[in-house]
């Protein structure tokens, strides 16, 4: 992990964020960008800045772009007439999987999907499926496993400048 990402993770932890962002990645092509944040049950989180273009781009398009371009990132999902159902996400050494089978016992063993119109706007639990959500330039999608809480606070207070510098660098990690 390079010095920027190490400093960013330390700062996020030191400023009271709920968990550590392990790394940030940039993928895709196009004039528009959206951020996807994935928070695993163990507290590890990842940020993906996804560049895209074209009307009708969905949250699912962002996820498949990440899976197609990042080695070590994979999705386990099913599709039906109701749309895409995301069961598992692998990001390098982190993996969480669930179908919601424990909901009757109060166990939220599934991926919760959150959306935000832009960085700084509050997270909202999505009322539509990931394959129906149309993204806009600057929008954010968040995935949290096993918790009904919104994604961790990113950027944490004081870390916004570091994240902006990192995204401006346009680094692509593979």
C-alpha atoms as a PDB file:
ATOM      1  CA  UNK A   1       0.000   0.000   0.000  1.00  0.00           C
ATOM      2  CA  UNK A   2       1.491   3.357  -0.935  1.00  0.00           C
ATOM      3  CA  UNK A   3       2.068   6.260   1.466  1.00  0.00           C
ATOM      4  CA  UNK A   4      -1.097   8.149   0.442  1.00  0.00           C
ATOM      5  CA  UNK A   5      -3.390   5.228   1.127  1.00  0.00           C
ATOM      6  CA  UNK A   6      -1.629   4.365   4.375  1.00  0.00           C
ATOM      7  CA  UNK A   7      -1.928   7.968   5.576  1.00  0.00           C
ATOM      8  CA  UNK A   8      -5.556   8.081   4.494  1.00  0.00           C
ATOM      9  CA  UNK A   9      -6.412   4.889   6.402  1.00  0.00           C
ATOM     10  CA  UNK A  10      -4.614   6.102   9.516  1.00  0.00           C
ATOM     11  CA  UNK A  11      -6.372   9.466   9.341  1.00  0.00           C
ATOM     12  CA  UNK A  12      -9.763   7.834   8.894  1.00  0.00           C
ATOM     13  CA  UNK A  13      -9.166   5.725  11.988  1.00  0.00           C
ATOM     14  CA  UNK A  14      -7.783   8.613  13.983  1.00  0.00           C
ATOM     15  CA  UNK A  15     -10.691  10.925  13.215  1.00  0.00           C
ATOM     16  CA  UNK A  16     -13.404   8.641  14.488  1.00  0.00           C
ATOM     17  CA  UNK A  17     -14.669   6.929  11.356  1.00  0.00           C
ATOM     18  CA  UNK A  18     -16.542   3.717  12.089  1.00  0.00           C
ATOM     19  CA  UNK A  19     -14.040   1.515  10.239  1.00  0.00           C
ATOM     20  CA  UNK A  20     -10.909   1.688   8.146  1.00  0.00           C
ATOM     21  CA  UNK A  21     -10.913   2.308   4.414  1.00  0.00           C
ATOM     22  CA  UNK A  22      -8.320  -0.205   3.320  1.00  0.00           C
ATOM     23  CA  UNK A  23      -7.753   1.236  -0.141  1.00  0.00           C
ATOM     24  CA  UNK A  24      -9.256   3.294  -2.956  1.00  0.00           C
ATOM     25  CA  UNK A  25      -9.410   2.347  -6.623  1.00  0.00           C
ATOM     26  CA  UNK A  26     -10.341   4.000  -9.908  1.00  0.00           C
ATOM     27  CA  UNK A  27     -11.924   2.060 -12.752  1.00  0.00           C
ATOM     28  CA  UNK A  28     -13.987   2.600 -15.888  1.00  0.00           C
ATOM     29  CA  UNK A  29     -13.993   5.217 -18.611  1.00  0.00           C
ATOM     30  CA  UNK A  30     -16.142   8.224 -19.293  1.00  0.00           C
ATOM     31  CA  UNK A  31     -16.782  11.786 -18.234  1.00  0.00           C
ATOM     32  CA  UNK A  32     -19.045  10.945 -15.277  1.00  0.00           C
ATOM     33  CA  UNK A  33     -17.923   9.440 -11.986  1.00  0.00           C
ATOM     34  CA  UNK A  34     -19.726   7.741  -9.138  1.00  0.00           C
ATOM     35  CA  UNK A  35     -18.304   6.302  -5.944  1.00  0.00           C
ATOM     36  CA  UNK A  36     -19.044   2.815  -4.644  1.00  0.00           C
ATOM     37  CA  UNK A  37     -18.230   2.126  -1.002  1.00  0.00           C
ATOM     38  CA  UNK A  38     -18.177  -1.421   0.345  1.00  0.00           C
ATOM     39  CA  UNK A  39     -18.048  -2.038   4.115  1.00  0.00           C
ATOM     40  CA  UNK A  40     -17.374  -5.577   5.292  1.00  0.00           C
ATOM     41  CA  UNK A  41     -18.527  -7.014   8.604  1.00  0.00           C
ATOM     42  CA  UNK A  42     -14.933  -7.083   9.925  1.00  0.00           C
ATOM     43  CA  UNK A  43     -14.726  -3.269   9.630  1.00  0.00           C
ATOM     44  CA  UNK A  44     -12.685  -3.144   6.425  1.00  0.00           C
ATOM     45  CA  UNK A  45     -13.984  -0.812   3.750  1.00  0.00           C
ATOM     46  CA  UNK A  46     -13.064  -0.030   0.151  1.00  0.00           C
ATOM     47  CA  UNK A  47     -13.801   2.951  -2.078  1.00  0.00           C
ATOM     48  CA  UNK A  48     -14.115   2.635  -5.839  1.00  0.00           C
ATOM     49  CA  UNK A  49     -14.381   5.683  -8.086  1.00  0.00           C
ATOM     50  CA  UNK A  50     -16.093   4.436 -11.242  1.00  0.00           C
ATOM     51  CA  UNK A  51     -15.976   6.500 -14.431  1.00  0.00           C
ATOM     52  CA  UNK A  52     -18.863   5.945 -16.830  1.00  0.00           C
ATOM     53  CA  UNK A  53     -20.868   7.538 -19.589  1.00  0.00           C
ATOM     54  CA  UNK A  54     -24.270   7.171 -21.105  1.00  0.00           C
ATOM     55  CA  UNK A  55     -27.822   7.568 -19.913  1.00  0.00           C
ATOM     56  CA  UNK A  56     -29.321   4.622 -18.095  1.00  0.00           C
ATOM     57  CA  UNK A  57     -26.197   3.581 -16.165  1.00  0.00           C
ATOM     58  CA  UNK A  58     -27.239   1.657 -13.061  1.00  0.00           C
ATOM     59  CA  UNK A  59     -25.700   0.839  -9.720  1.00  0.00           C
ATOM     60  CA  UNK A  60     -25.269  -2.702 -11.006  1.00  0.00           C
ATOM     61  CA  UNK A  61     -23.290  -1.401 -13.989  1.00  0.00           C
ATOM     62  CA  UNK A  62     -20.892   0.218 -11.494  1.00  0.00           C
ATOM     63  CA  UNK A  63     -20.490  -3.061  -9.582  1.00  0.00           C
ATOM     64  CA  UNK A  64     -19.825  -5.126 -12.711  1.00  0.00           C
ATOM     65  CA  UNK A  65     -17.294  -2.550 -13.947  1.00  0.00           C
ATOM     66  CA  UNK A  66     -15.399  -2.973 -10.673  1.00  0.00           C
ATOM     67  CA  UNK A  67     -15.568  -6.781 -10.912  1.00  0.00           C
ATOM     68  CA  UNK A  68     -14.405  -6.722 -14.540  1.00  0.00           C
ATOM     69  CA  UNK A  69     -11.417  -4.443 -13.929  1.00  0.00           C
ATOM     70  CA  UNK A  70     -10.091  -5.258 -10.450  1.00  0.00           C
ATOM     71  CA  UNK A  71      -8.240  -8.524  -9.837  1.00  0.00           C
ATOM     72  CA  UNK A  72      -9.296  -9.959  -6.494  1.00  0.00           C
ATOM     73  CA  UNK A  73     -12.812  -8.456  -6.616  1.00  0.00           C
ATOM     74  CA  UNK A  74     -15.770 -10.742  -7.326  1.00  0.00           C
ATOM     75  CA  UNK A  75     -19.552 -10.782  -6.991  1.00  0.00           C
ATOM     76  CA  UNK A  76     -21.802 -13.719  -6.098  1.00  0.00           C
ATOM     77  CA  UNK A  77     -25.361 -12.976  -7.190  1.00  0.00           C
ATOM     78  CA  UNK A  78     -28.507 -14.396  -8.710  1.00  0.00           C
ATOM     79  CA  UNK A  79     -31.014 -12.907 -11.106  1.00  0.00           C
ATOM     80  CA  UNK A  80     -34.737 -13.426 -11.404  1.00  0.00           C
ATOM     81  CA  UNK A  81     -37.789 -11.621 -12.724  1.00  0.00           C
ATOM     82  CA  UNK A  82     -37.389  -9.323  -9.675  1.00  0.00           C
ATOM     83  CA  UNK A  83     -33.863  -8.299 -10.628  1.00  0.00           C
ATOM     84  CA  UNK A  84     -30.374  -8.875  -9.247  1.00  0.00           C
ATOM     85  CA  UNK A  85     -29.890 -10.271  -5.743  1.00  0.00           C
ATOM     86  CA  UNK A  86     -26.355  -9.739  -4.419  1.00  0.00           C
ATOM     87  CA  UNK A  87     -25.320 -12.491  -2.010  1.00  0.00           C
ATOM     88  CA  UNK A  88     -21.556 -12.165  -1.754  1.00  0.00           C
ATOM     89  CA  UNK A  89     -18.723  -9.751  -2.342  1.00  0.00           C
ATOM     90  CA  UNK A  90     -15.047 -10.644  -2.360  1.00  0.00           C
ATOM     91  CA  UNK A  91     -12.536  -7.818  -2.172  1.00  0.00           C
ATOM     92  CA  UNK A  92      -9.050  -9.263  -1.894  1.00  0.00           C
ATOM     93  CA  UNK A  93      -8.841 -10.941   1.554  1.00  0.00           C
ATOM     94  CA  UNK A  94     -12.306  -9.765   2.618  1.00  0.00           C
ATOM     95  CA  UNK A  95     -15.430 -11.798   1.882  1.00  0.00           C
ATOM     96  CA  UNK A  96     -18.985 -11.708   3.201  1.00  0.00           C
ATOM     97  CA  UNK A  97     -21.918 -13.789   1.976  1.00  0.00           C
ATOM     98  CA  UNK A  98     -25.517 -14.088   3.039  1.00  0.00           C
ATOM     99  CA  UNK A  99     -29.065 -14.444   1.806  1.00  0.00           C
ATOM    100  CA  UNK A 100     -31.030 -12.952   4.676  1.00  0.00           C
ATOM    101  CA  UNK A 101     -32.061 -16.393   5.898  1.00  0.00           C
ATOM    102  CA  UNK A 102     -31.568 -15.311   9.527  1.00  0.00           C
ATOM    103  CA  UNK A 103     -33.964 -12.350   9.374  1.00  0.00           C
ATOM    104  CA  UNK A 104     -36.628 -14.146  11.449  1.00  0.00           C
ATOM    105  CA  UNK A 105     -34.087 -14.418  14.265  1.00  0.00           C
ATOM    106  CA  UNK A 106     -33.042 -10.787  13.943  1.00  0.00           C
ATOM    107  CA  UNK A 107     -29.853 -11.652  12.040  1.00  0.00           C
ATOM    108  CA  UNK A 108     -29.339  -9.342   9.099  1.00  0.00           C
ATOM    109  CA  UNK A 109     -27.042 -11.656   7.148  1.00  0.00           C
ATOM    110  CA  UNK A 110     -27.245  -9.870   3.820  1.00  0.00           C
ATOM    111  CA  UNK A 111     -25.812  -6.895   1.961  1.00  0.00           C
ATOM    112  CA  UNK A 112     -27.680  -3.661   2.710  1.00  0.00           C
ATOM    113  CA  UNK A 113     -27.780  -1.253  -0.252  1.00  0.00           C
ATOM    114  CA  UNK A 114     -27.500   2.498   0.387  1.00  0.00           C
ATOM    115  CA  UNK A 115     -27.466   5.467  -1.982  1.00  0.00           C
ATOM    116  CA  UNK A 116     -26.551   9.143  -1.879  1.00  0.00           C
ATOM    117  CA  UNK A 117     -26.931  11.810  -4.539  1.00  0.00           C
ATOM    118  CA  UNK A 118     -23.455  13.188  -3.847  1.00  0.00           C
ATOM    119  CA  UNK A 119     -20.609  13.156  -1.325  1.00  0.00           C
ATOM    120  CA  UNK A 120     -21.774  15.048   1.727  1.00  0.00           C
ATOM    121  CA  UNK A 121     -25.452  14.174   1.239  1.00  0.00           C
ATOM    122  CA  UNK A 122     -26.884  11.683   3.724  1.00  0.00           C
ATOM    123  CA  UNK A 123     -27.023   7.983   2.930  1.00  0.00           C
ATOM    124  CA  UNK A 124     -30.528   6.622   2.255  1.00  0.00           C
ATOM    125  CA  UNK A 125     -31.497   2.961   2.314  1.00  0.00           C
ATOM    126  CA  UNK A 126     -32.344   2.205  -1.303  1.00  0.00           C
ATOM    127  CA  UNK A 127     -35.981   1.658  -2.142  1.00  0.00           C
ATOM    128  CA  UNK A 128     -35.075   0.103  -5.511  1.00  0.00           C
ATOM    129  CA  UNK A 129     -32.782  -2.718  -6.539  1.00  0.00           C
ATOM    130  CA  UNK A 130     -29.237  -2.065  -7.677  1.00  0.00           C
ATOM    131  CA  UNK A 131     -30.140  -2.936 -11.262  1.00  0.00           C
ATOM    132  CA  UNK A 132     -32.977  -0.363 -11.247  1.00  0.00           C
ATOM    133  CA  UNK A 133     -31.125   2.524  -9.604  1.00  0.00           C
ATOM    134  CA  UNK A 134     -30.014   5.059 -12.194  1.00  0.00           C
ATOM    135  CA  UNK A 135     -26.794   6.753 -11.117  1.00  0.00           C
ATOM    136  CA  UNK A 136     -25.870  10.360 -11.786  1.00  0.00           C
ATOM    137  CA  UNK A 137     -22.531  12.136 -11.993  1.00  0.00           C
ATOM    138  CA  UNK A 138     -21.188  12.398  -8.429  1.00  0.00           C
ATOM    139  CA  UNK A 139     -23.629   9.886  -6.932  1.00  0.00           C
ATOM    140  CA  UNK A 140     -22.595   7.329  -4.332  1.00  0.00           C
ATOM    141  CA  UNK A 141     -23.643   3.723  -3.749  1.00  0.00           C
ATOM    142  CA  UNK A 142     -22.843   1.940  -0.499  1.00  0.00           C
ATOM    143  CA  UNK A 143     -22.945  -1.704   0.539  1.00  0.00           C
ATOM    144  CA  UNK A 144     -22.835  -2.766   4.199  1.00  0.00           C
ATOM    145  CA  UNK A 145     -22.893  -6.382   5.344  1.00  0.00           C
ATOM    146  CA  UNK A 146     -24.684  -7.589   8.490  1.00  0.00           C
ATOM    147  CA  UNK A 147     -25.597  -4.145   9.763  1.00  0.00           C
ATOM    148  CA  UNK A 148     -28.633  -1.942   9.234  1.00  0.00           C
ATOM    149  CA  UNK A 149     -26.385   1.104   9.746  1.00  0.00           C
ATOM    150  CA  UNK A 150     -25.452   3.387   6.871  1.00  0.00           C
ATOM    151  CA  UNK A 151     -21.950   3.063   5.393  1.00  0.00           C
ATOM    152  CA  UNK A 152     -19.110   4.406   7.490  1.00  0.00           C
ATOM    153  CA  UNK A 153     -18.433   8.085   7.366  1.00  0.00           C
ATOM    154  CA  UNK A 154     -16.174   8.779   4.426  1.00  0.00           C
ATOM    155  CA  UNK A 155     -14.507  11.015   4.243  1.00  0.00           C
ATOM    156  CA  UNK A 156     -14.028  11.339   7.937  1.00  0.00           C
ATOM    157  CA  UNK A 157     -13.588  14.889   9.220  1.00  0.00           C
ATOM    158  CA  UNK A 158     -10.176  16.120   8.155  1.00  0.00           C
ATOM    159  CA  UNK A 159      -9.679  13.389   5.552  1.00  0.00           C
ATOM    160  CA  UNK A 160     -11.611  15.039   2.722  1.00  0.00           C
ATOM    161  CA  UNK A 161      -8.507  16.810   1.400  1.00  0.00           C
ATOM    162  CA  UNK A 162      -6.529  13.567   1.278  1.00  0.00           C
ATOM    163  CA  UNK A 163      -9.282  11.739  -0.595  1.00  0.00           C
ATOM    164  CA  UNK A 164      -9.659  14.594  -3.067  1.00  0.00           C
ATOM    165  CA  UNK A 165      -5.922  14.529  -3.762  1.00  0.00           C
ATOM    166  CA  UNK A 166      -6.014  10.760  -4.202  1.00  0.00           C
ATOM    167  CA  UNK A 167      -8.910  10.838  -6.643  1.00  0.00           C
ATOM    168  CA  UNK A 168      -7.319  13.721  -8.551  1.00  0.00           C
ATOM    169  CA  UNK A 169      -4.220  11.613  -9.054  1.00  0.00           C
ATOM    170  CA  UNK A 170      -6.374   9.288 -11.216  1.00  0.00           C
ATOM    171  CA  UNK A 171      -4.556   6.181 -10.031  1.00  0.00           C
ATOM    172  CA  UNK A 172      -5.768   2.882 -11.344  1.00  0.00           C
ATOM    173  CA  UNK A 173      -4.990  -0.139  -9.187  1.00  0.00           C
ATOM    174  CA  UNK A 174      -5.167  -3.720 -10.447  1.00  0.00           C
END
